[in-house]
Amino acid sequence: MSESIVEHTDRGPLGRDEMARVLAGDIPRGAYVNLGIGQPTTVGDHLPPESGVILHTENGMLGMGPAATGDAIDPDLINAGKFPVTELPGASYFHHADSFAMMRGGHLDLCVLGAYQVSASGDLANWHTGEPDAIPAVGGAMDLAVGAKQVFVLMSLFTRTGEPKLVRECTYPLTALRCVDRVYTDVATFEITGRGQVLVRETWGISFRELRSRVDVPLTAASQEGGA
């Protein structure tokens, strides 16, 4: 075991809720945040009220709460993925165009997006696999990727066939260039430095040495460069 990185090799990879919880714990207090469609929306279920984090939705809501269940479901209250959500005290609603103005105008502190691939320099590919029969679904990802002050990606590290999604260069159509700051996966959390060298902050169910052998990207333990 490396002495310069926290390795949780006594357990397996993180589950989806555990991944969301780890990322939620790194969101700055009081930040304005957009959670992308899919797995990123689960992050909202792990933000305690005292965090002061204000969630923005692409379809025109500020102050979104956790997912709605049972009697709390209001069919008129949904997120951008069309799933029922709750509202927090002080929540507001506005036109879709105003929502995109917030995204493009640099008013969001952070966004959380899913991805097909992230490159070592922070390029993001998350809207199309390039396959002829694949259905493209860019949504507001391009606006968020270039408009938010920080971009966190939440994804599994490997495909079903074992290929890493963290790569030297993306082979899928790009969403945006050099926009990703951190990548949260089921086996490790990564810092993107923008210099091609990726810092590893923590691992789960895999050692740093094994991670290096399975990912074709220059990896360095975060604490070796002063942490993150």
Protein backbone atom coordinates (compact mmCIF):
# COMPACT_ATOMS: atom_id res chain seq x y z
CA MET A 1 0.00 0.00 0.00
CA SER A 2 1.22 3.49 -0.88
CA GLU A 3 1.92 5.65 2.18
CA SER A 4 0.91 8.82 0.37
CA ILE A 5 -2.68 7.99 -0.56
CA VAL A 6 -5.70 6.61 1.29
CA GLU A 7 -6.42 3.13 -0.10
CA HIS A 8 -9.57 1.28 0.99
CA THR A 9 -8.54 -2.16 -0.19
CA ASP A 10 -10.45 -3.94 2.58
CA ARG A 11 -13.73 -3.39 0.74
CA GLY A 12 -15.16 -3.34 -2.78
CA PRO A 13 -15.83 -0.38 -5.07
CA LEU A 14 -18.31 2.28 -4.01
CA GLY A 15 -22.00 1.85 -4.75
CA ARG A 16 -23.96 4.58 -6.52
CA ASP A 17 -25.22 6.19 -3.31
CA GLU A 18 -21.74 6.04 -1.76
CA MET A 19 -20.26 7.78 -4.82
CA ALA A 20 -22.87 10.51 -4.54
CA ARG A 21 -22.17 10.90 -0.81
CA VAL A 22 -18.42 11.31 -1.36
CA LEU A 23 -18.98 14.00 -3.99
CA ALA A 24 -21.63 15.78 -1.91
CA GLY A 25 -19.13 16.05 0.94
CA ASP A 26 -16.77 18.04 -1.30
CA ILE A 27 -19.29 20.67 -2.43
CA PRO A 28 -18.43 24.00 -0.79
CA ARG A 29 -20.88 25.36 1.77
CA GLY A 30 -23.39 27.78 0.25
CA ALA A 31 -22.50 26.95 -3.36
CA TYR A 32 -24.95 27.32 -6.25
CA VAL A 33 -24.92 23.94 -8.00
CA ASN A 34 -26.52 22.25 -11.01
CA LEU A 35 -26.87 18.46 -10.98
CA GLY A 36 -26.91 16.85 -14.42
CA ILE A 37 -29.46 14.29 -15.56
CA GLY A 38 -28.93 10.71 -14.44
CA GLN A 39 -26.62 9.64 -11.63
CA PRO A 40 -25.55 13.22 -10.74
CA THR A 41 -29.09 13.94 -9.47
CA THR A 42 -28.50 11.48 -6.59
CA VAL A 43 -26.00 13.93 -5.09
CA GLY A 44 -28.93 16.07 -3.96
CA ASP A 45 -30.09 13.31 -1.62
CA HIS A 46 -26.84 13.59 0.35
CA LEU A 47 -26.71 17.33 0.97
CA PRO A 48 -27.69 18.15 4.57
CA PRO A 49 -29.71 21.34 5.14
CA GLU A 50 -26.82 22.90 7.04
CA SER A 51 -24.66 22.74 3.90
CA GLY A 52 -26.46 25.80 2.54
CA VAL A 53 -26.03 24.44 -1.00
CA ILE A 54 -28.62 25.84 -3.42
CA LEU A 55 -29.54 23.53 -6.30
CA HIS A 56 -30.36 24.95 -9.71
CA THR A 57 -32.26 23.00 -12.36
CA GLU A 58 -31.97 23.45 -16.10
CA ASN A 59 -35.73 23.56 -16.53
CA GLY A 60 -36.10 26.65 -14.31
CA MET A 61 -35.88 26.12 -10.55
CA LEU A 62 -33.60 27.43 -7.82
CA GLY A 63 -33.79 25.81 -4.39
CA MET A 64 -34.50 22.21 -5.36
CA GLY A 65 -34.61 19.72 -2.50
CA PRO A 66 -34.17 15.92 -2.41
CA ALA A 67 -36.15 13.56 -4.62
CA ALA A 68 -39.87 13.37 -3.86
CA THR A 69 -41.50 10.09 -2.89
CA GLY A 70 -44.97 8.97 -1.86
CA ASP A 71 -47.36 11.75 -0.85
CA ALA A 72 -44.62 14.36 -1.40
CA ILE A 73 -44.77 13.87 -5.19
CA ASP A 74 -46.15 16.87 -7.06
CA PRO A 75 -46.48 16.16 -10.81
CA ASP A 76 -45.78 19.82 -11.56
CA LEU A 77 -42.53 19.81 -9.58
CA ILE A 78 -39.82 17.98 -11.53
CA ASN A 79 -36.14 18.31 -12.32
CA ALA A 80 -34.59 18.45 -15.80
CA GLY A 81 -34.68 14.66 -15.95
CA LYS A 82 -38.47 14.74 -15.40
CA PHE A 83 -38.20 13.09 -11.97
CA PRO A 84 -40.30 14.43 -9.07
CA VAL A 85 -38.40 16.56 -6.59
CA THR A 86 -39.10 18.59 -3.47
CA GLU A 87 -38.60 22.31 -2.95
CA LEU A 88 -36.78 24.00 -0.10
CA PRO A 89 -38.02 27.16 1.68
CA GLY A 90 -37.39 30.15 -0.56
CA ALA A 91 -37.38 28.13 -3.79
CA SER A 92 -38.15 30.06 -6.97
CA TYR A 93 -39.21 29.29 -10.54
CA PHE A 94 -38.36 31.03 -13.78
CA HIS A 95 -38.33 30.75 -17.56
CA HIS A 96 -36.11 28.18 -19.26
CA ALA A 97 -34.25 31.00 -21.03
CA ASP A 98 -33.45 32.64 -17.68
CA SER A 99 -32.14 29.32 -16.40
CA PHE A 100 -29.75 29.06 -19.33
CA ALA A 101 -28.69 32.68 -18.81
CA MET A 102 -27.63 31.69 -15.29
CA MET A 103 -25.70 28.72 -16.67
CA ARG A 104 -23.98 30.59 -19.48
CA GLY A 105 -23.37 33.75 -17.46
CA GLY A 106 -21.02 32.17 -14.92
CA HIS A 107 -23.51 32.35 -12.05
CA LEU A 108 -23.15 28.70 -10.99
CA ASP A 109 -20.31 27.78 -8.68
CA LEU A 110 -20.31 24.14 -9.70
CA CYS A 111 -22.04 21.56 -11.85
CA VAL A 112 -22.02 17.75 -11.61
CA LEU A 113 -22.20 15.86 -14.90
CA GLY A 114 -22.03 12.27 -16.06
CA ALA A 115 -19.59 11.25 -18.79
CA TYR A 116 -18.71 8.63 -21.37
CA GLN A 117 -15.07 9.76 -21.26
CA VAL A 118 -12.86 12.34 -19.55
CA SER A 119 -9.34 13.04 -20.82
CA ALA A 120 -6.25 13.61 -18.71
CA SER A 121 -6.36 17.29 -19.68
CA GLY A 122 -10.01 17.67 -18.61
CA ASP A 123 -11.80 17.32 -21.94
CA LEU A 124 -15.37 16.05 -21.53
CA ALA A 125 -17.35 13.67 -23.77
CA ASN A 126 -20.82 13.04 -22.42
CA TRP A 127 -23.43 13.60 -25.14
CA HIS A 128 -22.81 10.99 -27.85
CA THR A 129 -20.81 7.78 -28.27
CA GLY A 130 -20.43 8.31 -31.99
CA GLU A 131 -22.11 5.02 -32.79
CA PRO A 132 -24.41 5.21 -35.85
CA ASP A 133 -27.46 3.93 -33.94
CA ALA A 134 -26.80 5.90 -30.73
CA ILE A 135 -29.21 8.67 -29.76
CA PRO A 136 -27.39 11.96 -29.03
CA ALA A 137 -28.53 13.79 -25.91
CA VAL A 138 -26.55 16.94 -25.29
CA GLY A 139 -29.22 18.89 -23.36
CA GLY A 140 -27.58 21.74 -21.47
CA ALA A 141 -24.28 19.93 -20.90
CA MET A 142 -22.25 22.21 -23.17
CA ASP A 143 -23.64 25.31 -21.47
CA LEU A 144 -22.89 23.93 -18.01
CA ALA A 145 -19.43 22.67 -18.93
CA VAL A 146 -18.25 26.09 -20.07
CA GLY A 147 -20.43 28.25 -17.80
CA ALA A 148 -19.99 26.74 -14.34
CA LYS A 149 -16.95 27.82 -12.34
CA GLN A 150 -16.13 24.19 -11.51
CA VAL A 151 -17.11 20.93 -13.20
CA PHE A 152 -17.26 17.64 -11.28
CA VAL A 153 -17.90 14.39 -13.15
CA LEU A 154 -19.63 11.41 -11.52
CA MET A 155 -19.24 8.09 -13.37
CA SER A 156 -18.07 4.49 -13.10
CA LEU A 157 -14.39 4.27 -14.01
CA PHE A 158 -14.66 1.25 -16.30
CA THR A 159 -17.09 0.24 -19.03
CA ARG A 160 -18.89 -3.10 -18.90
CA THR A 161 -16.05 -4.55 -20.97
CA GLY A 162 -13.39 -3.22 -18.60
CA GLU A 163 -12.15 -0.26 -20.63
CA PRO A 164 -11.30 2.89 -18.62
CA LYS A 165 -13.36 6.02 -19.17
CA LEU A 166 -10.49 8.20 -17.94
CA VAL A 167 -8.27 8.38 -21.03
CA ARG A 168 -5.32 10.26 -22.50
CA GLU A 169 -7.52 11.65 -25.28
CA CYS A 170 -11.28 11.31 -25.78
CA THR A 171 -12.36 9.24 -28.76
CA TYR A 172 -16.05 10.18 -28.44
CA PRO A 173 -17.48 13.51 -29.69
CA LEU A 174 -16.49 16.27 -27.27
CA THR A 175 -18.82 18.29 -25.11
CA ALA A 176 -16.20 20.86 -24.05
CA LEU A 177 -12.42 21.24 -23.82
CA ARG A 178 -10.39 21.38 -20.59
CA CYS A 179 -13.42 21.95 -18.38
CA VAL A 180 -13.36 19.07 -15.84
CA ASP A 181 -11.84 19.73 -12.42
CA ARG A 182 -12.56 16.45 -10.60
CA VAL A 183 -13.75 12.97 -11.48
CA TYR A 184 -15.60 10.88 -8.88
CA THR A 185 -15.79 7.17 -9.67
CA ASP A 186 -16.60 3.91 -7.93
CA VAL A 187 -12.91 3.03 -7.40
CA ALA A 188 -11.11 6.38 -7.10
CA THR A 189 -11.43 10.15 -6.95
CA PHE A 190 -9.27 12.12 -9.37
CA GLU A 191 -8.08 15.72 -9.62
CA ILE A 192 -7.51 17.02 -13.16
CA THR A 193 -4.53 19.37 -13.12
CA GLY A 194 -4.79 20.52 -16.75
CA ARG A 195 -1.17 19.52 -17.29
CA GLY A 196 -1.89 15.93 -18.36
CA GLN A 197 -0.94 14.59 -14.92
CA VAL A 198 -3.95 13.33 -12.93
CA LEU A 199 -3.89 13.30 -9.12
CA VAL A 200 -5.51 10.43 -7.23
CA ARG A 201 -7.06 11.47 -3.93
CA GLU A 202 -8.48 8.16 -2.64
CA THR A 203 -9.21 4.61 -3.82
CA TRP A 204 -11.84 1.98 -2.97
CA GLY A 205 -11.50 -1.75 -3.67
CA ILE A 206 -8.30 -1.24 -5.64
CA SER A 207 -4.72 -0.29 -4.80
CA PHE A 208 -3.02 2.72 -6.32
CA ARG A 209 -0.52 0.38 -8.02
CA GLU A 210 -3.29 -1.68 -9.65
CA LEU A 211 -5.15 1.48 -10.64
CA ARG A 212 -2.04 2.72 -12.45
CA SER A 213 -1.79 -0.56 -14.36
CA ARG A 214 -5.41 -0.39 -15.55
CA VAL A 215 -5.67 3.28 -16.54
CA ASP A 216 -3.48 4.57 -19.38
CA VAL A 217 -3.12 8.04 -17.88
CA PRO A 218 -0.20 9.47 -15.87
CA LEU A 219 -1.37 9.15 -12.25
CA THR A 220 0.19 10.70 -9.16
CA ALA A 221 -0.88 10.43 -5.52
CA ALA A 222 -2.46 13.79 -4.63
CA SER A 223 -0.44 14.29 -1.42
CA GLN A 224 2.81 14.04 -3.39
CA GLU A 225 1.93 17.42 -4.88
CA GLY A 226 0.54 18.93 -1.72
CA GLY A 227 -2.95 17.47 -1.93
CA ALA A 228 -6.03 19.09 -3.38
